[in-house]
Protein backbone atom coordinates (compact mmCIF):
# COMPACT_ATOMS: atom_id res chain seq x y z
CA UNK A 1 -0.16 -0.13 0.07
CA UNK A 2 0.74 3.51 -0.73
CA UNK A 3 1.92 6.22 1.72
CA UNK A 4 -0.58 9.36 1.34
CA UNK A 5 2.01 11.22 -0.83
CA UNK A 6 1.78 8.64 -3.77
CA UNK A 7 -0.66 8.37 -5.91
CA UNK A 8 -2.13 5.51 -7.33
CA UNK A 9 -3.48 4.51 -10.78
CA UNK A 10 -6.87 3.01 -9.99
CA UNK A 11 -6.67 0.69 -13.49
CA UNK A 12 -3.30 -0.69 -12.81
CA UNK A 13 -2.49 -0.89 -9.47
CA UNK A 14 1.48 1.40 -10.18
CA UNK A 15 2.34 4.43 -9.31
CA UNK A 16 1.57 7.16 -11.51
CA UNK A 17 5.07 8.99 -13.13
CA UNK A 18 5.34 12.01 -14.03
CA UNK A 19 8.57 11.42 -16.68
CA UNK A 20 10.64 13.76 -14.66
CA UNK A 21 13.88 12.33 -15.95
CA UNK A 22 16.70 13.89 -18.41
CA UNK A 23 15.45 12.16 -20.69
CA UNK A 24 12.45 13.46 -20.53
CA UNK A 25 13.48 17.01 -20.42
CA UNK A 26 15.80 17.13 -23.09
CA UNK A 27 12.89 15.97 -25.19
CA UNK A 28 10.57 18.92 -24.44
CA UNK A 29 13.66 20.89 -24.53
CA UNK A 30 14.02 20.53 -27.81
CA UNK A 31 10.09 20.69 -28.78
CA UNK A 32 9.88 23.61 -26.93
CA UNK A 33 12.40 25.40 -29.53
CA UNK A 34 10.57 23.80 -32.15
CA UNK A 35 7.51 25.22 -31.06
CA UNK A 36 8.68 28.34 -30.75
CA UNK A 37 10.59 29.03 -34.30
CA UNK A 38 7.22 27.62 -35.26
CA UNK A 39 5.52 30.48 -33.87
CA UNK A 40 7.59 33.11 -34.58
CA UNK A 41 8.05 31.95 -38.27
CA UNK A 42 3.95 31.39 -38.69
CA UNK A 43 3.68 34.71 -37.44
CA UNK A 44 6.19 36.30 -39.97
CA UNK A 45 4.20 34.40 -42.77
CA UNK A 46 7.13 32.30 -43.94
CA UNK A 47 6.01 28.78 -44.25
CA UNK A 48 9.57 27.01 -44.66
CA UNK A 49 10.81 27.95 -40.91
CA UNK A 50 7.37 26.81 -40.44
CA UNK A 51 8.09 23.50 -41.49
CA UNK A 52 11.73 23.20 -39.90
CA UNK A 53 9.78 23.81 -36.49
CA UNK A 54 7.84 20.80 -37.18
CA UNK A 55 11.28 19.63 -38.01
CA UNK A 56 12.76 20.28 -34.70
CA UNK A 57 9.61 19.00 -32.91
CA UNK A 58 10.11 15.90 -34.11
CA UNK A 59 13.67 15.63 -33.35
CA UNK A 60 13.10 16.25 -30.18
CA UNK A 61 11.01 13.13 -29.62
CA UNK A 62 13.95 11.24 -31.06
CA UNK A 63 16.40 12.81 -28.74
CA UNK A 64 13.98 11.60 -26.31
CA UNK A 65 13.73 7.79 -27.17
CA UNK A 66 17.39 7.65 -28.22
CA UNK A 67 18.52 8.87 -24.56
CA UNK A 68 15.43 6.55 -22.92
CA UNK A 69 17.23 3.89 -24.63
CA UNK A 70 20.46 4.78 -23.81
CA UNK A 71 19.43 4.18 -20.07
CA UNK A 72 18.72 8.31 -19.15
CA UNK A 73 14.72 7.40 -18.80
CA UNK A 74 12.51 7.06 -15.30
CA UNK A 75 14.40 4.44 -13.64
CA UNK A 76 17.36 4.19 -16.44
CA UNK A 77 21.04 2.65 -14.97
CA UNK A 78 21.49 6.03 -15.45
CA UNK A 79 19.39 8.76 -14.65
CA UNK A 80 20.51 8.09 -11.00
CA UNK A 81 17.16 6.81 -9.20
CA UNK A 82 17.41 3.45 -10.54
CA UNK A 83 18.86 0.45 -7.49
């Protein structure tokens, strides 16, 4: 049974994770840069740079996946929270 500070997913009986890992932070940072580039380009009516921003967002997904596979994901070997 979990303590009062831990949320439990009633459907699966496991702790709800928040994705707080180096892989998640890196993925979100890259995706945020892509989003900002895309938004500024959209406001400036520059469709080529909008598509570049979309590409950067997808690059962020790839960065997160690679870092997760390298052990920097939640409970990964290099995440600092592994036992």
